[in-house]
Amino acid sequence: MISNVRGYGTHLAFDCKEAENVQRWLLASGINIHRCAPNTFALRPSMTLGCYDAAQLREALVHYSPMFGQ
């Protein structure tokens, strides 16, 4: 589902085949994320991003339901 992960530090990006559905899922999960291209998400977290915040994003992506957008 996720490919081409790139970046370093607070400039990260990844590609996703079902970007629109994934974006809806993450927003419904309380994670505000936007696409920078049709199939690309760019993460520009603040310097206060902690382990808890990163874990929330990871868990939301792990539990993504492909049926959400349909």
N, C-alpha and C. Protein backbone atom coordinates (compact mmCIF):
# COMPACT_ATOMS: atom_id res chain seq x y z
N MET A 1 0.82 -1.19 0.00
CA MET A 1 0.00 0.00 0.00
C MET A 1 0.87 1.26 0.00
N ILE A 2 1.94 1.28 0.77
CA ILE A 2 2.83 2.44 0.84
C ILE A 2 4.14 2.08 0.15
N SER A 3 4.63 3.02 -0.65
CA SER A 3 5.88 2.78 -1.35
C SER A 3 6.68 4.08 -1.45
N ASN A 4 7.91 3.94 -1.88
CA ASN A 4 8.79 5.07 -2.14
C ASN A 4 8.87 6.05 -0.95
N VAL A 5 9.11 5.52 0.22
CA VAL A 5 9.28 6.36 1.41
C VAL A 5 10.61 7.08 1.28
N ARG A 6 10.59 8.40 1.48
CA ARG A 6 11.81 9.17 1.31
C ARG A 6 11.82 10.36 2.26
N GLY A 7 12.99 10.92 2.43
CA GLY A 7 13.13 12.09 3.27
C GLY A 7 13.99 11.80 4.48
N TYR A 8 14.13 12.85 5.29
CA TYR A 8 14.98 12.75 6.47
C TYR A 8 14.50 13.79 7.48
N GLY A 9 14.48 13.41 8.73
CA GLY A 9 14.11 14.36 9.78
C GLY A 9 12.66 14.81 9.68
N THR A 10 12.47 16.10 9.50
CA THR A 10 11.10 16.64 9.45
C THR A 10 10.61 16.88 8.03
N HIS A 11 11.27 16.32 7.04
CA HIS A 11 10.82 16.40 5.65
C HIS A 11 10.71 14.98 5.11
N LEU A 12 9.52 14.42 5.20
CA LEU A 12 9.29 13.04 4.81
C LEU A 12 8.17 12.99 3.78
N ALA A 13 8.19 11.96 2.94
CA ALA A 13 7.12 11.76 1.96
C ALA A 13 7.00 10.28 1.66
N PHE A 14 5.80 9.88 1.22
CA PHE A 14 5.59 8.51 0.77
C PHE A 14 4.48 8.50 -0.26
N ASP A 15 4.50 7.48 -1.11
CA ASP A 15 3.48 7.31 -2.14
C ASP A 15 2.49 6.26 -1.67
N CYS A 16 1.27 6.38 -2.19
CA CYS A 16 0.20 5.47 -1.79
C CYS A 16 -0.74 5.30 -2.98
N LYS A 17 -1.09 4.07 -3.30
CA LYS A 17 -1.96 3.82 -4.46
C LYS A 17 -3.38 4.35 -4.25
N GLU A 18 -3.92 4.21 -3.06
CA GLU A 18 -5.29 4.64 -2.75
C GLU A 18 -5.26 5.92 -1.93
N ALA A 19 -4.56 6.93 -2.42
CA ALA A 19 -4.30 8.13 -1.63
C ALA A 19 -5.58 8.83 -1.15
N GLU A 20 -6.58 8.94 -1.99
CA GLU A 20 -7.81 9.63 -1.59
C GLU A 20 -8.50 8.91 -0.44
N ASN A 21 -8.61 7.60 -0.54
CA ASN A 21 -9.24 6.82 0.53
C ASN A 21 -8.41 6.83 1.80
N VAL A 22 -7.10 6.74 1.66
CA VAL A 22 -6.22 6.77 2.83
C VAL A 22 -6.33 8.12 3.52
N GLN A 23 -6.38 9.20 2.73
CA GLN A 23 -6.51 10.53 3.33
C GLN A 23 -7.81 10.64 4.12
N ARG A 24 -8.91 10.15 3.57
CA ARG A 24 -10.20 10.18 4.29
C ARG A 24 -10.10 9.38 5.59
N TRP A 25 -9.47 8.20 5.51
CA TRP A 25 -9.32 7.35 6.70
C TRP A 25 -8.52 8.06 7.78
N LEU A 26 -7.41 8.67 7.39
CA LEU A 26 -6.56 9.34 8.38
C LEU A 26 -7.28 10.54 8.99
N LEU A 27 -7.98 11.31 8.17
CA LEU A 27 -8.73 12.46 8.70
C LEU A 27 -9.81 11.99 9.68
N ALA A 28 -10.49 10.90 9.35
CA ALA A 28 -11.51 10.34 10.27
C ALA A 28 -10.87 9.81 11.54
N SER A 29 -9.59 9.43 11.46
CA SER A 29 -8.86 8.93 12.63
C SER A 29 -8.24 10.06 13.45
N GLY A 30 -8.48 11.31 13.03
CA GLY A 30 -7.98 12.46 13.77
C GLY A 30 -6.59 12.91 13.36
N ILE A 31 -6.12 12.45 12.21
CA ILE A 31 -4.79 12.82 11.74
C ILE A 31 -4.95 13.74 10.53
N ASN A 32 -4.49 14.96 10.66
CA ASN A 32 -4.60 15.95 9.60
C ASN A 32 -3.41 15.81 8.66
N ILE A 33 -3.65 15.26 7.49
CA ILE A 33 -2.57 15.03 6.52
C ILE A 33 -3.10 15.41 5.14
N HIS A 34 -2.24 15.95 4.33
CA HIS A 34 -2.64 16.38 3.00
C HIS A 34 -1.68 15.83 1.96
N ARG A 35 -2.19 15.72 0.75
CA ARG A 35 -1.38 15.21 -0.35
C ARG A 35 -0.65 16.37 -1.03
N CYS A 36 0.55 16.10 -1.52
CA CYS A 36 1.30 17.10 -2.27
C CYS A 36 1.33 16.73 -3.75
N ALA A 37 0.79 15.58 -4.09
CA ALA A 37 0.65 15.12 -5.47
C ALA A 37 -0.50 14.11 -5.47
N PRO A 38 -0.98 13.69 -6.62
CA PRO A 38 -2.14 12.77 -6.63
C PRO A 38 -1.98 11.53 -5.77
N ASN A 39 -0.77 10.96 -5.72
CA ASN A 39 -0.56 9.74 -4.93
C ASN A 39 0.53 9.90 -3.89
N THR A 40 0.84 11.12 -3.49
CA THR A 40 1.94 11.35 -2.56
C THR A 40 1.49 12.16 -1.36
N PHE A 41 1.90 11.69 -0.19
CA PHE A 41 1.70 12.42 1.05
C PHE A 41 3.04 12.99 1.48
N ALA A 42 3.04 14.23 1.92
CA ALA A 42 4.26 14.83 2.46
C ALA A 42 4.02 15.12 3.93
N LEU A 43 4.93 14.68 4.75
CA LEU A 43 4.84 14.93 6.18
C LEU A 43 5.84 16.02 6.54
N ARG A 44 5.35 17.06 7.15
CA ARG A 44 6.20 18.15 7.62
C ARG A 44 5.88 18.38 9.10
N PRO A 45 6.21 17.38 9.93
CA PRO A 45 5.86 17.51 11.34
C PRO A 45 6.65 18.62 12.03
N SER A 46 6.04 19.14 13.07
CA SER A 46 6.73 20.17 13.85
C SER A 46 7.83 19.53 14.68
N MET A 47 8.66 20.37 15.24
CA MET A 47 9.76 19.86 16.07
C MET A 47 9.25 19.22 17.36
N THR A 48 7.98 19.42 17.68
CA THR A 48 7.43 18.84 18.90
C THR A 48 6.80 17.46 18.66
N LEU A 49 6.94 16.92 17.46
CA LEU A 49 6.42 15.60 17.17
C LEU A 49 7.12 14.60 18.08
N GLY A 50 6.32 13.87 18.82
CA GLY A 50 6.89 12.90 19.74
C GLY A 50 6.58 11.47 19.35
N CYS A 51 7.05 10.55 20.14
CA CYS A 51 6.83 9.13 19.88
C CYS A 51 5.34 8.79 19.87
N TYR A 52 4.58 9.42 20.77
CA TYR A 52 3.15 9.15 20.83
C TYR A 52 2.47 9.56 19.53
N ASP A 53 2.81 10.73 19.00
CA ASP A 53 2.21 11.22 17.76
C ASP A 53 2.57 10.32 16.58
N ALA A 54 3.82 9.93 16.50
CA ALA A 54 4.26 9.05 15.42
C ALA A 54 3.57 7.69 15.52
N ALA A 55 3.36 7.22 16.74
CA ALA A 55 2.67 5.94 16.94
C ALA A 55 1.22 6.03 16.50
N GLN A 56 0.57 7.17 16.71
CA GLN A 56 -0.82 7.34 16.27
C GLN A 56 -0.91 7.23 14.75
N LEU A 57 0.00 7.87 14.04
CA LEU A 57 0.01 7.79 12.58
C LEU A 57 0.26 6.36 12.13
N ARG A 58 1.23 5.71 12.74
CA ARG A 58 1.53 4.33 12.38
C ARG A 58 0.33 3.42 12.60
N GLU A 59 -0.32 3.52 13.74
CA GLU A 59 -1.48 2.68 14.03
C GLU A 59 -2.63 2.93 13.07
N ALA A 60 -2.86 4.18 12.71
CA ALA A 60 -3.93 4.49 11.76
C ALA A 60 -3.63 3.88 10.39
N LEU A 61 -2.37 3.92 9.97
CA LEU A 61 -2.01 3.32 8.68
C LEU A 61 -2.08 1.80 8.74
N VAL A 62 -1.67 1.21 9.86
CA VAL A 62 -1.71 -0.24 10.01
C VAL A 62 -3.16 -0.74 9.98
N HIS A 63 -4.07 0.01 10.57
CA HIS A 63 -5.47 -0.41 10.65
C HIS A 63 -6.34 0.17 9.55
N TYR A 64 -5.73 0.70 8.49
CA TYR A 64 -6.49 1.24 7.37
C TYR A 64 -7.42 0.20 6.79
N SER A 65 -8.67 0.61 6.57
CA SER A 65 -9.66 -0.27 5.98
C SER A 65 -9.88 0.11 4.52
N PRO A 66 -9.51 -0.74 3.57
CA PRO A 66 -9.70 -0.41 2.16
C PRO A 66 -11.15 -0.13 1.79
N MET A 67 -12.10 -0.61 2.58
CA MET A 67 -13.51 -0.41 2.28
C MET A 67 -13.99 0.97 2.71
N PHE A 68 -13.17 1.74 3.39
CA PHE A 68 -13.61 3.03 3.96
C PHE A 68 -14.14 3.98 2.93
N GLY A 69 -13.48 4.13 1.82
CA GLY A 69 -13.87 5.13 0.82
C GLY A 69 -14.95 4.66 -0.14
N GLN A 70 -15.41 3.43 -0.01
CA GLN A 70 -16.36 2.90 -0.98
C GLN A 70 -17.77 2.96 -0.50
